[in-house]
């Protein structure tokens, strides 16, 4: 599930379904996944668009929760919105109650 290439592909597929025709959105996510964070000033270069278009893309991804930032002008990092957890991490979560086994018997130590 945490294979970077596979996660990038699942993000690209999900964003393609949610925002058809916005092919540059997955580039912003992929860059942020690979580098941990991205300054907002790098977004136009990563996306290959002008400043205004990059700011709009960042705003869209931030509002949807796909990117996160601690401050309005600070760097962005990847977010994992819970509404899309099954698309991003298929079969990682289950709706069934977990089965927790009883702890094993630990033999007593003679002192």
Protein backbone atom coordinates (compact mmCIF):
# COMPACT_ATOMS: atom_id res chain seq x y z
CA UNK A 1 0.00 0.00 0.00
CA UNK A 2 2.86 2.39 0.71
CA UNK A 3 4.73 1.62 -2.51
CA UNK A 4 5.40 5.14 -3.79
CA UNK A 5 4.82 4.35 -7.48
CA UNK A 6 1.55 2.55 -6.73
CA UNK A 7 0.35 5.35 -4.45
CA UNK A 8 1.17 7.95 -7.13
CA UNK A 9 -0.83 5.93 -9.67
CA UNK A 10 -3.82 5.63 -7.35
CA UNK A 11 -3.69 9.37 -6.64
CA UNK A 12 -3.51 10.11 -10.39
CA UNK A 13 -6.47 7.81 -11.07
CA UNK A 14 -8.55 9.34 -8.28
CA UNK A 15 -7.78 12.94 -9.27
CA UNK A 16 -8.49 12.08 -12.92
CA UNK A 17 -11.94 10.84 -11.94
CA UNK A 18 -12.67 13.79 -9.64
CA UNK A 19 -11.24 16.52 -11.87
CA UNK A 20 -11.32 15.39 -15.52
CA UNK A 21 -9.00 17.36 -17.77
CA UNK A 22 -6.85 18.67 -14.89
CA UNK A 23 -3.85 16.49 -15.75
CA UNK A 24 -1.40 18.67 -13.85
CA UNK A 25 -2.94 17.97 -10.43
CA UNK A 26 -1.31 14.53 -10.12
CA UNK A 27 2.09 16.12 -10.90
CA UNK A 28 1.75 18.33 -7.83
CA UNK A 29 0.82 15.35 -5.65
CA UNK A 30 3.60 13.15 -7.08
CA UNK A 31 6.23 15.84 -6.49
CA UNK A 32 5.04 16.35 -2.93
CA UNK A 33 5.00 12.61 -2.26
CA UNK A 34 8.56 12.23 -3.53
CA UNK A 35 10.01 15.24 -1.73
CA UNK A 36 7.93 15.35 1.45
CA UNK A 37 6.78 18.91 0.89
CA UNK A 38 6.72 21.61 -1.75
CA UNK A 39 7.00 25.35 -1.46
CA UNK A 40 4.12 27.18 -3.07
CA UNK A 41 6.58 29.00 -5.31
CA UNK A 42 7.65 25.69 -6.87
CA UNK A 43 4.11 24.78 -7.94
CA UNK A 44 4.18 26.64 -11.30
CA UNK A 45 7.40 24.84 -12.28
CA UNK A 46 6.15 21.43 -11.17
CA UNK A 47 2.76 21.83 -12.86
CA UNK A 48 4.14 23.60 -15.93
CA UNK A 49 1.69 26.49 -15.74
CA UNK A 50 1.64 30.19 -14.85
CA UNK A 51 1.57 31.37 -11.23
CA UNK A 52 -2.17 32.06 -11.13
CA UNK A 53 -3.12 28.63 -12.50
CA UNK A 54 -0.75 26.94 -10.04
CA UNK A 55 -2.26 28.89 -7.13
CA UNK A 56 -5.73 27.79 -8.24
CA UNK A 57 -4.57 24.17 -8.41
CA UNK A 58 -3.04 24.37 -4.94
CA UNK A 59 -6.20 25.97 -3.55
CA UNK A 60 -8.32 23.19 -5.04
CA UNK A 61 -6.09 20.43 -3.65
CA UNK A 62 -5.88 22.12 -0.25
CA UNK A 63 -9.65 22.61 0.00
CA UNK A 64 -10.26 18.96 -0.93
CA UNK A 65 -7.69 17.78 1.63
CA UNK A 66 -5.27 16.23 -0.87
CA UNK A 67 -2.65 18.74 0.22
CA UNK A 68 -2.16 20.26 3.68
CA UNK A 69 -0.25 23.20 5.06
CA UNK A 70 0.36 24.58 8.53
CA UNK A 71 0.08 28.19 7.36
CA UNK A 72 -1.64 29.99 4.48
CA UNK A 73 1.68 30.73 2.77
CA UNK A 74 3.77 27.84 4.03
CA UNK A 75 4.90 24.74 2.18
CA UNK A 76 2.39 22.04 1.35
CA UNK A 77 2.54 18.32 2.09
CA UNK A 78 0.38 15.41 1.02
CA UNK A 79 -2.91 14.86 2.78
CA UNK A 80 -4.95 11.69 2.88
CA UNK A 81 -8.65 12.65 3.00
CA UNK A 82 -10.64 9.96 4.78
CA UNK A 83 -13.43 10.13 2.20
CA UNK A 84 -11.01 8.67 -0.36
CA UNK A 85 -9.13 6.21 1.85
CA UNK A 86 -10.43 3.16 -0.02
CA UNK A 87 -9.31 4.60 -3.37
CA UNK A 88 -5.87 5.51 -2.07
CA UNK A 89 -5.34 2.46 0.15
CA UNK A 90 -7.60 -0.32 -1.15
CA UNK A 91 -8.41 -3.03 1.37
CA UNK A 92 -6.32 -1.36 4.07
CA UNK A 93 -9.37 -0.46 6.12
CA UNK A 94 -12.28 -2.73 6.87
CA UNK A 95 -15.80 -2.02 8.01
CA UNK A 96 -15.83 -5.22 10.05
CA UNK A 97 -14.95 -5.32 13.72
CA UNK A 98 -11.32 -6.39 14.13
CA UNK A 99 -10.64 -9.83 15.50
CA UNK A 100 -8.12 -9.47 18.31
CA UNK A 101 -6.68 -12.77 19.53
CA UNK A 102 -6.25 -13.47 23.23
CA UNK A 103 -2.73 -12.81 24.46
CA UNK A 104 -0.53 -15.90 24.66
CA UNK A 105 0.09 -17.60 27.97
CA UNK A 106 3.45 -16.54 29.27
CA UNK A 107 5.18 -19.18 31.33
CA UNK A 108 6.15 -18.15 34.84
CA UNK A 109 9.82 -17.68 35.57
CA UNK A 110 11.06 -19.50 38.66
CA UNK A 111 13.20 -17.21 40.73
